[in-house]
Amino acid sequence: MDNRLKKNTSAGRESRGVSDLERQPPEESFVSSDERRKMFRSEWLQEALPNPPEIKGFHLCWLSTTNQYDPIHKRVRLGYTPVKAEEVPGFENYKVKSGEHAGLVAVNEMILYKLPNDVYQEMMTELHHNAPMDEQEKIRIQQEQLLNTKDSNGKRLGQVEGDGMNFDQTVKAPIFN
């Protein structure tokens, strides 16, 4: 037999079993059975992005680095800031190791960003309350114009059936979550 293939017992090496005992994971990284059950369920829900824990005073959202219509630099101008892995406990596995986004929380091309709640409320109110109310006002004006339109004989071209649309209600802006 070739001497190179023989096991050298005098080399002073420890057995692999000893080193396995030293590689035990720290207890704080263990997941509780409830968390493990939730993780298992979420695997079957086809959720691509994990739900981050709340950061008090901020609204969190995932932004795409590849979306040309809604680029990240546009959101940064509005007040969005990236979330660092240290800010969200349990998301260490989602930390970008190197590159432009090093230290941030990311999944594939999506990066976690935060926006102060007061700015978020302003934006949502503008986009999902004020803008629709402005559109409603335009429709009301068009309706009034159509109802007052007459043909060449002076006959009205439009009429309201039933109760019509009630544009006179004032709607209070909601609080967005």
Protein backbone atom coordinates (compact mmCIF):
# COMPACT_ATOMS: atom_id res chain seq x y z
CA MET A 1 0.00 0.00 0.00
CA ASP A 2 1.15 3.52 -0.75
CA ASN A 3 2.39 5.38 2.37
CA ARG A 4 0.53 8.50 1.36
CA LEU A 5 -2.82 6.74 1.83
CA LYS A 6 -2.13 5.47 5.34
CA LYS A 7 -3.77 7.25 8.24
CA ASN A 8 -1.19 9.05 10.33
CA THR A 9 -2.34 8.85 13.95
CA SER A 10 0.60 10.83 15.27
CA ALA A 11 -0.35 14.04 13.42
CA GLY A 12 -2.03 15.48 16.53
CA ARG A 13 -5.41 16.06 14.94
CA GLU A 14 -8.63 16.01 16.91
CA SER A 15 -11.55 13.92 15.83
CA ARG A 16 -14.31 15.56 13.83
CA GLY A 17 -16.76 14.78 16.60
CA VAL A 18 -14.98 17.21 18.92
CA SER A 19 -15.19 20.04 16.40
CA ASP A 20 -18.88 19.27 15.78
CA LEU A 21 -19.61 19.91 19.45
CA GLU A 22 -17.96 23.33 19.18
CA ARG A 23 -20.12 24.28 16.17
CA GLN A 24 -23.44 24.20 18.01
CA PRO A 25 -25.63 27.20 17.02
CA PRO A 26 -26.19 29.86 19.69
CA GLU A 27 -29.52 29.55 21.47
CA GLU A 28 -30.68 33.06 20.61
CA SER A 29 -30.75 32.17 16.91
CA PHE A 30 -33.25 29.36 17.50
CA VAL A 31 -36.78 29.98 16.29
CA SER A 32 -39.67 29.27 18.65
CA SER A 33 -42.16 26.61 17.67
CA ASP A 34 -44.84 29.27 17.00
CA GLU A 35 -42.50 31.22 14.72
CA ARG A 36 -41.47 28.00 12.98
CA ARG A 37 -45.15 27.13 12.43
CA LYS A 38 -45.80 30.61 10.95
CA MET A 39 -42.77 30.28 8.70
CA PHE A 40 -44.00 26.87 7.54
CA ARG A 41 -47.47 28.25 6.78
CA SER A 42 -46.07 31.23 4.90
CA GLU A 43 -44.09 28.87 2.65
CA TRP A 44 -47.42 27.64 1.27
CA LEU A 45 -49.01 31.07 0.89
CA GLN A 46 -46.84 32.01 -2.12
CA GLU A 47 -45.57 35.11 -0.36
CA ALA A 48 -42.48 36.32 -2.13
CA LEU A 49 -41.51 38.96 0.43
CA PRO A 50 -41.42 38.54 4.20
CA ASN A 51 -43.44 40.86 6.42
CA PRO A 52 -40.94 42.94 8.39
CA PRO A 53 -41.63 43.83 12.02
CA GLU A 54 -42.92 47.32 12.70
CA ILE A 55 -40.53 50.20 13.23
CA LYS A 56 -42.26 52.69 15.50
CA GLY A 57 -43.12 55.92 13.68
CA PHE A 58 -42.49 54.56 10.19
CA HIS A 59 -44.36 52.91 7.33
CA LEU A 60 -42.32 50.11 5.71
CA CYS A 61 -42.49 48.99 2.10
CA TRP A 62 -40.48 46.97 -0.40
CA LEU A 63 -39.14 48.96 -3.38
CA SER A 64 -37.86 47.44 -6.60
CA THR A 65 -34.43 48.30 -7.95
CA THR A 66 -35.62 47.33 -11.46
CA ASN A 67 -38.89 49.27 -11.76
CA GLN A 68 -38.35 51.93 -14.42
CA TYR A 69 -41.75 53.59 -13.87
CA ASP A 70 -41.22 54.00 -10.10
CA PRO A 71 -37.44 54.19 -9.53
CA ILE A 72 -36.00 54.28 -6.03
CA HIS A 73 -34.38 57.71 -6.50
CA LYS A 74 -37.89 59.13 -7.00
CA ARG A 75 -38.99 57.66 -3.66
CA VAL A 76 -35.84 58.91 -1.92
CA ARG A 77 -36.76 62.46 -3.00
CA LEU A 78 -40.15 61.92 -1.32
CA GLY A 79 -38.49 61.00 1.99
CA TYR A 80 -38.02 57.23 1.84
CA THR A 81 -34.86 55.90 3.50
CA PRO A 82 -33.41 52.38 3.28
CA VAL A 83 -33.74 50.05 6.26
CA LYS A 84 -30.50 48.66 7.66
CA ALA A 85 -30.43 45.04 8.83
CA GLU A 86 -29.66 46.16 12.41
CA GLU A 87 -33.02 48.01 12.56
CA VAL A 88 -35.17 44.90 12.09
CA PRO A 89 -34.39 42.01 14.43
CA GLY A 90 -34.62 38.60 12.81
CA PHE A 91 -33.80 39.90 9.33
CA GLU A 92 -30.04 39.30 9.49
CA ASN A 93 -30.39 36.67 6.74
CA TYR A 94 -31.73 39.33 4.37
CA LYS A 95 -28.73 41.63 4.81
CA VAL A 96 -26.88 42.52 1.59
CA LYS A 97 -23.25 41.51 2.11
CA SER A 98 -21.51 43.69 -0.48
CA GLY A 99 -22.03 46.16 -3.27
CA GLU A 100 -24.09 49.31 -3.60
CA HIS A 101 -26.73 48.17 -1.08
CA ALA A 102 -24.39 46.57 1.50
CA GLY A 103 -25.92 46.39 4.98
CA LEU A 104 -29.49 46.95 3.78
CA VAL A 105 -32.41 44.52 4.00
CA ALA A 106 -33.14 43.02 0.57
CA VAL A 107 -34.82 40.06 -1.10
CA ASN A 108 -33.77 39.54 -4.71
CA GLU A 109 -34.16 42.96 -6.38
CA MET A 110 -36.44 44.32 -3.64
CA ILE A 111 -35.05 46.58 -0.89
CA LEU A 112 -36.87 47.46 2.32
CA TYR A 113 -37.48 51.21 2.77
CA LYS A 114 -39.17 53.27 5.48
CA LEU A 115 -41.11 56.52 5.41
CA PRO A 116 -42.12 58.62 8.45
CA ASN A 117 -45.80 57.98 9.26
CA ASP A 118 -46.79 61.67 8.97
CA VAL A 119 -45.34 61.87 5.44
CA TYR A 120 -47.00 58.55 4.58
CA GLN A 121 -50.39 59.88 5.74
CA GLU A 122 -49.94 63.05 3.63
CA MET A 123 -49.05 61.03 0.53
CA MET A 124 -51.87 58.53 0.94
CA THR A 125 -54.40 61.28 1.62
CA GLU A 126 -53.32 63.12 -1.51
CA LEU A 127 -53.26 60.03 -3.74
CA HIS A 128 -56.24 58.13 -2.37
CA HIS A 129 -58.55 60.85 -1.05
CA ASN A 130 -57.87 64.30 -2.51
CA ALA A 131 -57.15 63.15 -6.06
CA PRO A 132 -60.34 61.01 -6.26
CA MET A 133 -62.36 63.90 -4.79
CA ASP A 134 -60.95 66.20 -7.52
CA GLU A 135 -61.97 63.64 -10.15
CA GLN A 136 -65.43 63.46 -8.59
CA GLU A 137 -65.76 67.23 -8.89
CA LYS A 138 -64.82 67.05 -12.60
CA ILE A 139 -67.49 64.37 -13.14
CA ARG A 140 -70.08 66.51 -11.31
CA ILE A 141 -69.28 69.49 -13.56
CA GLN A 142 -69.52 67.31 -16.68
CA GLN A 143 -72.86 65.92 -15.47
CA GLU A 144 -74.26 69.42 -14.94
CA GLN A 145 -73.06 70.50 -18.39
CA LEU A 146 -74.64 67.44 -20.02
CA LEU A 147 -77.96 67.98 -18.22
CA ASN A 148 -78.08 71.57 -19.46
CA THR A 149 -77.23 70.68 -23.06
CA LYS A 150 -80.09 71.04 -25.55
CA ASP A 151 -80.48 70.01 -29.16
CA SER A 152 -81.35 72.41 -32.01
CA ASN A 153 -85.06 72.21 -31.12
CA GLY A 154 -84.41 73.19 -27.50
CA LYS A 155 -85.05 69.70 -26.13
CA ARG A 156 -82.78 68.55 -23.30
CA LEU A 157 -80.32 65.84 -24.37
CA GLY A 158 -79.84 64.24 -20.96
CA GLN A 159 -81.83 63.37 -17.91
CA VAL A 160 -81.13 61.83 -14.53
CA GLU A 161 -82.77 58.50 -13.86
CA GLY A 162 -83.63 57.48 -10.32
CA ASP A 163 -81.66 59.20 -7.60
CA GLY A 164 -78.71 59.87 -9.89
CA MET A 165 -75.31 60.33 -8.37
CA ASN A 166 -74.97 62.24 -5.12
CA PHE A 167 -71.86 64.42 -5.38
CA ASP A 168 -72.85 66.70 -2.52
CA GLN A 169 -71.66 64.36 0.25
CA THR A 170 -68.50 65.40 2.01
CA VAL A 171 -66.20 62.49 2.74
CA LYS A 172 -63.71 62.74 5.57
CA ALA A 173 -60.17 61.63 4.75
CA PRO A 174 -59.44 58.24 6.32
CA ILE A 175 -56.37 57.27 8.34
CA PHE A 176 -54.26 54.89 6.30
CA ASN A 177 -52.45 51.89 7.75
